[in-house]
Amino acid sequence: MDQTVLFALLSLGTLGTGSAVILYFVAQRFKVIEDPRIDVVNELLPAANCGGCGYAGCRNFAEAIVKNESLEGLNCPVGGNEVMQRIAAALGLEAEMADPLIAVVRCSGSHEHAPQKVKYEGASSCAFAHNLYAGESGCPFGCLGLGDCVVSCDFDAIYIDGSTGLPVVDIRCVACGACVKACPRGIIELRPKGKKDRRIYVSCVNEEKGGPARKNCAVACIGCGKCVKVCAFDAIRLENNLAWIDPKKCTLCRKCVAECPTDAIHELNFPPRKPRGEEAAAPETQTQLS
């Protein structure tokens, strides 16, 4: 064999061996020994990797739990209390019971309530359209109906109703918050599901004054404050011409629903109200029987 070739092979071999030895010692010096409990917690998580917990994925969430040595302020919206209780038992920790949440669409600007004034022709993206114009109804706060929230949902829990043009959230919602982040108008909000899935909320985010708000949408909140006055539990606040109901204070008495002059406050999953005539007649009937 030619001496030049032999010398080159020996040189490369020596260089490769030396580099391998150096890399080995460097790897040993800087290697990170991972806590085995991370794998335990990760196996208990639903592997949805939705980011609803506030971390990039289930693995990152598991690392945060083990690192914090506490479950305070940490919650997996997909797994809910059941999964958090299992994790707590595996790590010898205590898990706080969290109220289940669900996404709520705070806009009622349907085709009926907010008639079309202009026609949009462009990219089918709310984020894109939001930067171009106020919306087909003219409401600068209303739903654009192009479905960015639908695309963002990995659980098929939201869809656009063709008759209204508005998003609809169904019971499969796990409150991951992806649709909340995807909506450029801030229309979607996570709220407690409530007892028996009953919820009361202001279905509007329009901060315009009453006149302009009603001009674009018949059921817009006009900031009249009647709901605030009728609430005996200080559960409603009025800011920037817009009412908002605090679900932690709301007792679901429904007085604000009846008081709202534009039907901007919605009640979900409640039994139908009795006609006022029947309610007034009930005491008289009881008196006669007695």
C-alpha atoms as a PDB file:
ATOM      1  CA  MET A   1       0.000   0.000   0.000  1.00  0.00           C
ATOM      2  CA  ASP A   2       1.259   3.453  -0.831  1.00  0.00           C
ATOM      3  CA  GLN A   3       2.778   5.147   2.226  1.00  0.00           C
ATOM      4  CA  THR A   4       0.810   8.357   1.594  1.00  0.00           C
ATOM      5  CA  VAL A   5      -2.486   6.482   1.666  1.00  0.00           C
ATOM      6  CA  LEU A   6      -1.465   4.538   4.768  1.00  0.00           C
ATOM      7  CA  PHE A   7      -0.452   7.715   6.549  1.00  0.00           C
ATOM      8  CA  ALA A   8      -3.790   9.363   5.667  1.00  0.00           C
ATOM      9  CA  LEU A   9      -5.767   6.396   6.994  1.00  0.00           C
ATOM     10  CA  LEU A  10      -3.811   6.321  10.249  1.00  0.00           C
ATOM     11  CA  SER A  11      -4.227  10.068  10.694  1.00  0.00           C
ATOM     12  CA  LEU A  12      -7.977   9.966  10.102  1.00  0.00           C
ATOM     13  CA  GLY A  13      -8.360   6.960  12.383  1.00  0.00           C
ATOM     14  CA  THR A  14      -6.432   8.636  15.168  1.00  0.00           C
ATOM     15  CA  LEU A  15      -8.384  11.863  14.736  1.00  0.00           C
ATOM     16  CA  GLY A  16     -11.717  10.013  14.782  1.00  0.00           C
ATOM     17  CA  THR A  17     -10.791   8.000  17.876  1.00  0.00           C
ATOM     18  CA  GLY A  18      -9.603  11.069  19.709  1.00  0.00           C
ATOM     19  CA  SER A  19     -12.777  12.988  18.828  1.00  0.00           C
ATOM     20  CA  ALA A  20     -14.930  10.096  19.993  1.00  0.00           C
ATOM     21  CA  VAL A  21     -13.135   9.964  23.340  1.00  0.00           C
ATOM     22  CA  ILE A  22     -13.523  13.707  23.812  1.00  0.00           C
ATOM     23  CA  LEU A  23     -17.210  13.615  22.919  1.00  0.00           C
ATOM     24  CA  TYR A  24     -17.785  10.732  25.340  1.00  0.00           C
ATOM     25  CA  PHE A  25     -16.295  12.587  28.296  1.00  0.00           C
ATOM     26  CA  VAL A  26     -18.115  15.787  27.367  1.00  0.00           C
ATOM     27  CA  ALA A  27     -21.424  13.884  27.200  1.00  0.00           C
ATOM     28  CA  GLN A  28     -20.767  12.300  30.577  1.00  0.00           C
ATOM     29  CA  ARG A  29     -19.856  15.636  32.076  1.00  0.00           C
ATOM     30  CA  PHE A  30     -22.975  17.441  30.883  1.00  0.00           C
ATOM     31  CA  LYS A  31     -25.544  14.653  30.755  1.00  0.00           C
ATOM     32  CA  VAL A  32     -28.850  15.330  32.469  1.00  0.00           C
ATOM     33  CA  ILE A  33     -30.352  12.580  34.574  1.00  0.00           C
ATOM     34  CA  GLU A  34     -34.110  12.896  34.102  1.00  0.00           C
ATOM     35  CA  ASP A  35     -36.420  12.300  37.015  1.00  0.00           C
ATOM     36  CA  PRO A  36     -38.221   8.973  36.347  1.00  0.00           C
ATOM     37  CA  ARG A  37     -41.414  10.459  37.782  1.00  0.00           C
ATOM     38  CA  ILE A  38     -41.763  12.532  34.621  1.00  0.00           C
ATOM     39  CA  ASP A  39     -42.450   9.352  32.653  1.00  0.00           C
ATOM     40  CA  VAL A  40     -44.983   8.266  35.262  1.00  0.00           C
ATOM     41  CA  VAL A  41     -46.897  11.550  35.039  1.00  0.00           C
ATOM     42  CA  ASN A  42     -46.639  11.650  31.256  1.00  0.00           C
ATOM     43  CA  GLU A  43     -48.254   8.214  31.013  1.00  0.00           C
ATOM     44  CA  LEU A  44     -51.197   9.430  33.084  1.00  0.00           C
ATOM     45  CA  LEU A  45     -51.828  12.439  30.837  1.00  0.00           C
ATOM     46  CA  PRO A  46     -54.172  12.104  27.824  1.00  0.00           C
ATOM     47  CA  ALA A  47     -51.426  12.814  25.228  1.00  0.00           C
ATOM     48  CA  ALA A  48     -53.583  15.464  23.586  1.00  0.00           C
ATOM     49  CA  ASN A  49     -50.685  17.954  23.408  1.00  0.00           C
ATOM     50  CA  CYS A  50     -53.256  20.733  23.025  1.00  0.00           C
ATOM     51  CA  GLY A  51     -51.472  23.342  25.107  1.00  0.00           C
ATOM     52  CA  GLY A  52     -54.564  24.007  27.217  1.00  0.00           C
ATOM     53  CA  CYS A  53     -52.526  23.533  30.381  1.00  0.00           C
ATOM     54  CA  GLY A  54     -50.288  26.438  29.408  1.00  0.00           C
ATOM     55  CA  TYR A  55     -47.359  24.274  28.283  1.00  0.00           C
ATOM     56  CA  ALA A  56     -46.225  23.198  24.825  1.00  0.00           C
ATOM     57  CA  GLY A  57     -47.308  19.599  25.302  1.00  0.00           C
ATOM     58  CA  CYS A  58     -48.059  16.849  27.800  1.00  0.00           C
ATOM     59  CA  ARG A  59     -44.371  16.056  28.304  1.00  0.00           C
ATOM     60  CA  ASN A  60     -43.600  19.659  29.185  1.00  0.00           C
ATOM     61  CA  PHE A  61     -46.563  19.717  31.548  1.00  0.00           C
ATOM     62  CA  ALA A  62     -45.325  16.552  33.246  1.00  0.00           C
ATOM     63  CA  GLU A  63     -41.875  18.107  33.698  1.00  0.00           C
ATOM     64  CA  ALA A  64     -43.441  21.212  35.244  1.00  0.00           C
ATOM     65  CA  ILE A  65     -45.458  19.140  37.717  1.00  0.00           C
ATOM     66  CA  VAL A  66     -42.444  17.141  38.877  1.00  0.00           C
ATOM     67  CA  LYS A  67     -40.231  20.227  39.054  1.00  0.00           C
ATOM     68  CA  ASN A  68     -42.750  22.247  41.074  1.00  0.00           C
ATOM     69  CA  GLU A  69     -43.395  19.402  43.527  1.00  0.00           C
ATOM     70  CA  SER A  70     -46.936  20.775  43.689  1.00  0.00           C
ATOM     71  CA  LEU A  71     -50.131  20.764  41.655  1.00  0.00           C
ATOM     72  CA  GLU A  72     -51.181  24.229  42.754  1.00  0.00           C
ATOM     73  CA  GLY A  73     -52.286  26.283  39.779  1.00  0.00           C
ATOM     74  CA  LEU A  74     -51.752  23.366  37.387  1.00  0.00           C
ATOM     75  CA  ASN A  75     -54.595  21.666  35.557  1.00  0.00           C
ATOM     76  CA  CYS A  76     -55.103  19.465  32.509  1.00  0.00           C
ATOM     77  CA  PRO A  77     -58.355  20.645  30.902  1.00  0.00           C
ATOM     78  CA  VAL A  78     -58.650  17.535  28.737  1.00  0.00           C
ATOM     79  CA  GLY A  79     -58.192  15.006  31.537  1.00  0.00           C
ATOM     80  CA  GLY A  80     -60.001  17.125  34.101  1.00  0.00           C
ATOM     81  CA  ASN A  81     -60.157  16.421  37.814  1.00  0.00           C
ATOM     82  CA  GLU A  82     -59.994  12.663  37.313  1.00  0.00           C
ATOM     83  CA  VAL A  83     -56.559  12.763  35.674  1.00  0.00           C
ATOM     84  CA  MET A  84     -55.237  15.325  38.151  1.00  0.00           C
ATOM     85  CA  GLN A  85     -56.360  13.121  41.040  1.00  0.00           C
ATOM     86  CA  ARG A  86     -54.479  10.159  39.541  1.00  0.00           C
ATOM     87  CA  ILE A  87     -51.333  12.248  39.178  1.00  0.00           C
ATOM     88  CA  ALA A  88     -51.698  13.461  42.757  1.00  0.00           C
ATOM     89  CA  ALA A  89     -51.990   9.882  44.008  1.00  0.00           C
ATOM     90  CA  ALA A  90     -48.917   8.789  42.004  1.00  0.00           C
ATOM     91  CA  LEU A  91     -46.773  11.623  43.366  1.00  0.00           C
ATOM     92  CA  GLY A  92     -48.184  11.794  46.876  1.00  0.00           C
ATOM     93  CA  LEU A  93     -49.534  15.298  46.325  1.00  0.00           C
ATOM     94  CA  GLU A  94     -52.880  17.013  46.676  1.00  0.00           C
ATOM     95  CA  ALA A  95     -54.899  18.191  43.685  1.00  0.00           C
ATOM     96  CA  GLU A  96     -57.389  21.033  43.846  1.00  0.00           C
ATOM     97  CA  MET A  97     -60.787  20.365  42.343  1.00  0.00           C
ATOM     98  CA  ALA A  98     -61.218  22.723  39.392  1.00  0.00           C
ATOM     99  CA  ASP A  99     -64.530  23.730  37.853  1.00  0.00           C
ATOM    100  CA  PRO A 100     -64.850  22.234  34.346  1.00  0.00           C
ATOM    101  CA  LEU A 101     -64.692  24.919  31.674  1.00  0.00           C
ATOM    102  CA  ILE A 102     -66.205  25.228  28.211  1.00  0.00           C
ATOM    103  CA  ALA A 103     -65.759  27.659  25.351  1.00  0.00           C
ATOM    104  CA  VAL A 104     -68.522  30.239  24.944  1.00  0.00           C
ATOM    105  CA  VAL A 105     -69.093  32.283  21.776  1.00  0.00           C
ATOM    106  CA  ARG A 106     -69.916  35.828  22.872  1.00  0.00           C
ATOM    107  CA  CYS A 107     -71.543  37.053  19.686  1.00  0.00           C
ATOM    108  CA  SER A 108     -75.124  36.788  18.450  1.00  0.00           C
ATOM    109  CA  GLY A 109     -74.601  38.730  15.231  1.00  0.00           C
ATOM    110  CA  SER A 110     -76.313  36.159  13.036  1.00  0.00           C
ATOM    111  CA  HIS A 111     -77.563  36.830   9.503  1.00  0.00           C
ATOM    112  CA  GLU A 112     -80.928  37.701  11.047  1.00  0.00           C
ATOM    113  CA  HIS A 113     -79.696  40.038  13.764  1.00  0.00           C
ATOM    114  CA  ALA A 114     -76.812  41.615  11.854  1.00  0.00           C
ATOM    115  CA  PRO A 115     -77.787  41.835   8.157  1.00  0.00           C
ATOM    116  CA  GLN A 116     -75.079  41.852   5.530  1.00  0.00           C
ATOM    117  CA  LYS A 117     -74.052  45.299   4.294  1.00  0.00           C
ATOM    118  CA  VAL A 118     -71.004  44.336   2.233  1.00  0.00           C
ATOM    119  CA  LYS A 119     -69.777  41.099   0.693  1.00  0.00           C
ATOM    120  CA  TYR A 120     -66.294  39.843   1.503  1.00  0.00           C
ATOM    121  CA  GLU A 121     -64.261  38.123  -1.195  1.00  0.00           C
ATOM    122  CA  GLY A 122     -60.807  37.106  -0.130  1.00  0.00           C
ATOM    123  CA  ALA A 123     -58.815  34.575   1.870  1.00  0.00           C
ATOM    124  CA  SER A 124     -61.004  32.384   4.065  1.00  0.00           C
ATOM    125  CA  SER A 125     -59.308  33.430   7.279  1.00  0.00           C
ATOM    126  CA  CYS A 126     -60.639  35.517  10.142  1.00  0.00           C
ATOM    127  CA  ALA A 127     -57.136  36.733  10.965  1.00  0.00           C
ATOM    128  CA  PHE A 128     -56.708  37.984   7.387  1.00  0.00           C
ATOM    129  CA  ALA A 129     -60.166  39.548   7.097  1.00  0.00           C
ATOM    130  CA  HIS A 130     -59.858  41.206  10.519  1.00  0.00           C
ATOM    131  CA  ASN A 131     -57.014  43.354   9.175  1.00  0.00           C
ATOM    132  CA  LEU A 132     -59.005  44.398   6.111  1.00  0.00           C
ATOM    133  CA  TYR A 133     -62.464  45.502   7.210  1.00  0.00           C
ATOM    134  CA  ALA A 134     -65.008  45.681  10.017  1.00  0.00           C
ATOM    135  CA  GLY A 135     -67.110  42.756   8.851  1.00  0.00           C
ATOM    136  CA  GLU A 136     -70.013  42.125   6.513  1.00  0.00           C
ATOM    137  CA  SER A 137     -72.504  43.530   9.025  1.00  0.00           C
ATOM    138  CA  GLY A 138     -70.358  46.579   9.778  1.00  0.00           C
ATOM    139  CA  CYS A 139     -69.728  45.571  13.400  1.00  0.00           C
ATOM    140  CA  PRO A 140     -66.013  45.978  14.107  1.00  0.00           C
ATOM    141  CA  PHE A 141     -66.274  43.593  17.085  1.00  0.00           C
ATOM    142  CA  GLY A 142     -68.529  40.897  15.622  1.00  0.00           C
ATOM    143  CA  CYS A 143     -67.750  37.371  14.482  1.00  0.00           C
ATOM    144  CA  LEU A 144     -66.335  37.169  10.957  1.00  0.00           C
ATOM    145  CA  GLY A 145     -67.570  33.584  10.522  1.00  0.00           C
ATOM    146  CA  LEU A 146     -64.634  32.330   8.458  1.00  0.00           C
ATOM    147  CA  GLY A 147     -63.792  29.498  10.832  1.00  0.00           C
ATOM    148  CA  ASP A 148     -60.303  30.069  12.241  1.00  0.00           C
ATOM    149  CA  CYS A 149     -61.691  28.684  15.504  1.00  0.00           C
ATOM    150  CA  VAL A 150     -62.896  25.541  13.718  1.00  0.00           C
ATOM    151  CA  VAL A 151     -59.495  24.927  12.121  1.00  0.00           C
ATOM    152  CA  SER A 152     -57.732  25.389  15.467  1.00  0.00           C
ATOM    153  CA  CYS A 153     -59.834  22.801  17.316  1.00  0.00           C
ATOM    154  CA  ASP A 154     -58.251  19.333  17.442  1.00  0.00           C
ATOM    155  CA  PHE A 155     -61.348  17.827  19.034  1.00  0.00           C
ATOM    156  CA  ASP A 156     -63.981  18.694  16.404  1.00  0.00           C
ATOM    157  CA  ALA A 157     -65.882  20.495  19.124  1.00  0.00           C
ATOM    158  CA  ILE A 158     -66.763  23.646  17.198  1.00  0.00           C
ATOM    159  CA  TYR A 159     -68.397  24.268  13.833  1.00  0.00           C
ATOM    160  CA  ILE A 160     -69.953  27.097  11.852  1.00  0.00           C
ATOM    161  CA  ASP A 161     -73.753  27.031  11.738  1.00  0.00           C
ATOM    162  CA  GLY A 162     -74.725  27.655   8.129  1.00  0.00           C
ATOM    163  CA  SER A 163     -78.048  29.248   9.067  1.00  0.00           C
ATOM    164  CA  THR A 164     -76.569  31.855  11.408  1.00  0.00           C
ATOM    165  CA  GLY A 165     -72.974  32.123  10.201  1.00  0.00           C
ATOM    166  CA  LEU A 166     -71.773  31.828  13.804  1.00  0.00           C
ATOM    167  CA  PRO A 167     -69.585  29.235  15.558  1.00  0.00           C
ATOM    168  CA  VAL A 168     -71.306  26.651  17.735  1.00  0.00           C
ATOM    169  CA  VAL A 169     -69.515  24.823  20.564  1.00  0.00           C
ATOM    170  CA  ASP A 170     -70.717  21.319  21.418  1.00  0.00           C
ATOM    171  CA  ILE A 171     -70.241  19.089  24.449  1.00  0.00           C
ATOM    172  CA  ARG A 172     -66.975  17.629  23.132  1.00  0.00           C
ATOM    173  CA  CYS A 173     -65.215  20.878  24.049  1.00  0.00           C
ATOM    174  CA  VAL A 174     -62.363  20.221  26.485  1.00  0.00           C
ATOM    175  CA  ALA A 175     -61.545  23.900  27.090  1.00  0.00           C
ATOM    176  CA  CYS A 176     -58.065  23.656  25.615  1.00  0.00           C
ATOM    177  CA  GLY A 177     -58.297  27.319  24.644  1.00  0.00           C
ATOM    178  CA  ALA A 178     -57.088  26.900  21.057  1.00  0.00           C
ATOM    179  CA  CYS A 179     -60.187  28.588  19.644  1.00  0.00           C
ATOM    180  CA  VAL A 180     -59.808  31.453  22.104  1.00  0.00           C
ATOM    181  CA  LYS A 181     -56.305  32.149  20.794  1.00  0.00           C
ATOM    182  CA  ALA A 182     -57.347  31.712  17.165  1.00  0.00           C
ATOM    183  CA  CYS A 183     -60.157  34.290  17.247  1.00  0.00           C
ATOM    184  CA  PRO A 184     -58.781  37.720  16.261  1.00  0.00           C
ATOM    185  CA  ARG A 185     -61.855  39.457  17.679  1.00  0.00           C
ATOM    186  CA  GLY A 186     -61.625  37.946  21.167  1.00  0.00           C
ATOM    187  CA  ILE A 187     -65.188  36.675  20.906  1.00  0.00           C
ATOM    188  CA  ILE A 188     -64.614  33.218  22.399  1.00  0.00           C
ATOM    189  CA  GLU A 189     -64.201  32.928  26.148  1.00  0.00           C
ATOM    190  CA  LEU A 190     -63.649  29.999  28.513  1.00  0.00           C
ATOM    191  CA  ARG A 191     -66.269  29.929  31.262  1.00  0.00           C
ATOM    192  CA  PRO A 192     -67.305  27.370  33.898  1.00  0.00           C
ATOM    193  CA  LYS A 193     -69.767  24.823  32.555  1.00  0.00           C
ATOM    194  CA  GLY A 194     -71.951  25.465  35.576  1.00  0.00           C
ATOM    195  CA  LYS A 195     -74.226  23.166  37.502  1.00  0.00           C
ATOM    196  CA  LYS A 196     -76.332  21.044  35.146  1.00  0.00           C
ATOM    197  CA  ASP A 197     -74.483  22.807  32.297  1.00  0.00           C
ATOM    198  CA  ARG A 198     -76.390  26.000  33.036  1.00  0.00           C
ATOM    199  CA  ARG A 199     -74.665  29.258  32.103  1.00  0.00           C
ATOM    200  CA  ILE A 200     -75.545  32.925  31.864  1.00  0.00           C
ATOM    201  CA  TYR A 201     -73.338  35.323  29.939  1.00  0.00           C
ATOM    202  CA  VAL A 202     -73.407  38.483  27.849  1.00  0.00           C
ATOM    203  CA  SER A 203     -73.299  37.344  24.228  1.00  0.00           C
ATOM    204  CA  CYS A 204     -71.627  40.479  22.906  1.00  0.00           C
ATOM    205  CA  VAL A 205     -68.183  42.088  22.953  1.00  0.00           C
ATOM    206  CA  ASN A 206     -69.124  45.343  21.201  1.00  0.00           C
ATOM    207  CA  GLU A 207     -67.678  48.355  23.027  1.00  0.00           C
ATOM    208  CA  GLU A 208     -69.451  50.944  20.875  1.00  0.00           C
ATOM    209  CA  LYS A 209     -72.143  53.159  22.381  1.00  0.00           C
ATOM    210  CA  GLY A 210     -75.763  52.074  22.179  1.00  0.00           C
ATOM    211  CA  GLY A 211     -76.734  53.766  18.923  1.00  0.00           C
ATOM    212  CA  PRO A 212     -73.854  52.575  16.718  1.00  0.00           C
ATOM    213  CA  ALA A 213     -73.951  49.135  18.332  1.00  0.00           C
ATOM    214  CA  ARG A 214     -77.667  48.623  17.576  1.00  0.00           C
ATOM    215  CA  LYS A 215     -77.225  50.004  14.064  1.00  0.00           C
ATOM    216  CA  ASN A 216     -75.023  47.043  13.183  1.00  0.00           C
ATOM    217  CA  CYS A 217     -76.634  44.375  15.374  1.00  0.00           C
ATOM    218  CA  ALA A 218     -80.135  44.207  16.819  1.00  0.00           C
ATOM    219  CA  VAL A 219     -79.038  42.165  19.851  1.00  0.00           C
ATOM    220  CA  ALA A 220     -75.893  44.087  20.783  1.00  0.00           C
ATOM    221  CA  CYS A 221     -75.196  45.127  24.362  1.00  0.00           C
ATOM    222  CA  ILE A 222     -75.909  48.873  24.547  1.00  0.00           C
ATOM    223  CA  GLY A 223     -74.308  49.458  27.933  1.00  0.00           C
ATOM    224  CA  CYS A 224     -77.557  50.642  29.522  1.00  0.00           C
ATOM    225  CA  GLY A 225     -76.607  49.222  32.915  1.00  0.00           C
ATOM    226  CA  LYS A 226     -80.047  47.779  33.723  1.00  0.00           C
ATOM    227  CA  CYS A 227     -78.520  44.357  34.342  1.00  0.00           C
ATOM    228  CA  VAL A 228     -76.041  45.866  36.812  1.00  0.00           C
ATOM    229  CA  LYS A 229     -78.819  47.552  38.776  1.00  0.00           C
ATOM    230  CA  VAL A 230     -81.001  44.439  39.001  1.00  0.00           C
ATOM    231  CA  CYS A 231     -78.167  42.113  40.129  1.00  0.00           C
ATOM    232  CA  ALA A 232     -78.180  41.717  43.903  1.00  0.00           C
ATOM    233  CA  PHE A 233     -74.895  39.835  43.977  1.00  0.00           C
ATOM    234  CA  ASP A 234     -72.533  42.368  42.369  1.00  0.00           C
ATOM    235  CA  ALA A 235     -71.859  39.806  39.624  1.00  0.00           C
ATOM    236  CA  ILE A 236     -72.095  42.203  36.674  1.00  0.00           C
ATOM    237  CA  ARG A 237     -69.752  45.020  35.810  1.00  0.00           C
ATOM    238  CA  LEU A 238     -70.058  47.625  33.093  1.00  0.00           C
ATOM    239  CA  GLU A 239     -66.901  48.818  31.340  1.00  0.00           C
ATOM    240  CA  ASN A 240     -66.437  50.492  27.958  1.00  0.00           C
ATOM    241  CA  ASN A 241     -70.180  50.385  27.228  1.00  0.00           C
ATOM    242  CA  LEU A 242     -70.184  46.617  27.704  1.00  0.00           C
ATOM    243  CA  ALA A 243     -71.559  44.392  30.467  1.00  0.00           C
ATOM    244  CA  TRP A 244     -69.729  41.286  31.672  1.00  0.00           C
ATOM    245  CA  ILE A 245     -70.978  38.662  34.107  1.00  0.00           C
ATOM    246  CA  ASP A 246     -68.553  37.188  36.638  1.00  0.00           C
ATOM    247  CA  PRO A 247     -69.304  33.435  36.733  1.00  0.00           C
ATOM    248  CA  LYS A 248     -67.813  33.149  40.235  1.00  0.00           C
ATOM    249  CA  LYS A 249     -70.345  35.596  41.651  1.00  0.00           C
ATOM    250  CA  CYS A 250     -73.341  34.801  39.464  1.00  0.00           C
ATOM    251  CA  THR A 251     -76.020  32.754  41.242  1.00  0.00           C
ATOM    252  CA  LEU A 252     -77.950  32.014  38.028  1.00  0.00           C
ATOM    253  CA  CYS A 253     -81.018  33.867  39.274  1.00  0.00           C
ATOM    254  CA  ARG A 254     -81.701  35.054  35.680  1.00  0.00           C
ATOM    255  CA  LYS A 255     -83.040  38.480  36.687  1.00  0.00           C
ATOM    256  CA  CYS A 256     -80.544  40.163  34.364  1.00  0.00           C
ATOM    257  CA  VAL A 257     -81.748  38.045  31.430  1.00  0.00           C
ATOM    258  CA  ALA A 258     -85.301  39.318  31.781  1.00  0.00           C
ATOM    259  CA  GLU A 259     -84.096  42.894  32.321  1.00  0.00           C
ATOM    260  CA  CYS A 260     -81.889  43.179  29.213  1.00  0.00           C
ATOM    261  CA  PRO A 261     -83.750  45.275  26.586  1.00  0.00           C
ATOM    262  CA  THR A 262     -81.819  43.823  23.632  1.00  0.00           C
ATOM    263  CA  ASP A 263     -81.684  40.134  24.661  1.00  0.00           C
ATOM    264  CA  ALA A 264     -77.895  40.355  24.738  1.00  0.00           C
ATOM    265  CA  ILE A 265     -77.727  38.189  27.869  1.00  0.00           C
ATOM    266  CA  HIS A 266     -78.093  34.479  27.184  1.00  0.00           C
ATOM    267  CA  GLU A 267     -79.215  31.661  29.448  1.00  0.00           C
ATOM    268  CA  LEU A 268     -78.335  28.091  28.493  1.00  0.00           C
ATOM    269  CA  ASN A 269     -79.907  24.799  29.565  1.00  0.00           C
ATOM    270  CA  PHE A 270     -82.485  26.324  31.922  1.00  0.00           C
ATOM    271  CA  PRO A 271     -86.081  25.084  32.080  1.00  0.00           C
ATOM    272  CA  PRO A 272     -88.537  27.315  30.186  1.00  0.00           C
ATOM    273  CA  ARG A 273     -89.885  30.253  32.116  1.00  0.00           C
ATOM    274  CA  LYS A 274     -93.541  30.302  33.105  1.00  0.00           C
ATOM    275  CA  PRO A 275     -95.613  33.019  31.433  1.00  0.00           C
ATOM    276  CA  ARG A 276     -95.974  36.029  33.719  1.00  0.00           C
ATOM    277  CA  GLY A 277     -99.723  35.536  33.872  1.00  0.00           C
ATOM    278  CA  GLU A 278     -99.316  32.029  35.307  1.00  0.00           C
ATOM    279  CA  GLU A 279     -96.760  33.211  37.870  1.00  0.00           C
ATOM    280  CA  ALA A 280     -99.099  35.935  39.060  1.00  0.00           C
ATOM    281  CA  ALA A 281    -102.074  33.582  39.248  1.00  0.00           C
ATOM    282  CA  ALA A 282    -100.265  30.896  41.253  1.00  0.00           C
ATOM    283  CA  PRO A 283    -100.528  32.636  44.701  1.00  0.00           C
ATOM    284  CA  GLU A 284    -104.257  33.327  44.209  1.00  0.00           C
ATOM    285  CA  THR A 285    -104.890  29.674  43.400  1.00  0.00           C
ATOM    286  CA  GLN A 286    -103.077  28.593  46.547  1.00  0.00           C
ATOM    287  CA  THR A 287    -105.110  31.038  48.647  1.00  0.00           C
ATOM    288  CA  GLN A 288    -108.416  29.699  47.306  1.00  0.00           C
ATOM    289  CA  LEU A 289    -107.404  26.113  48.009  1.00  0.00           C
ATOM    290  CA  SER A 290    -106.412  26.953  51.543  1.00  0.00           C
END
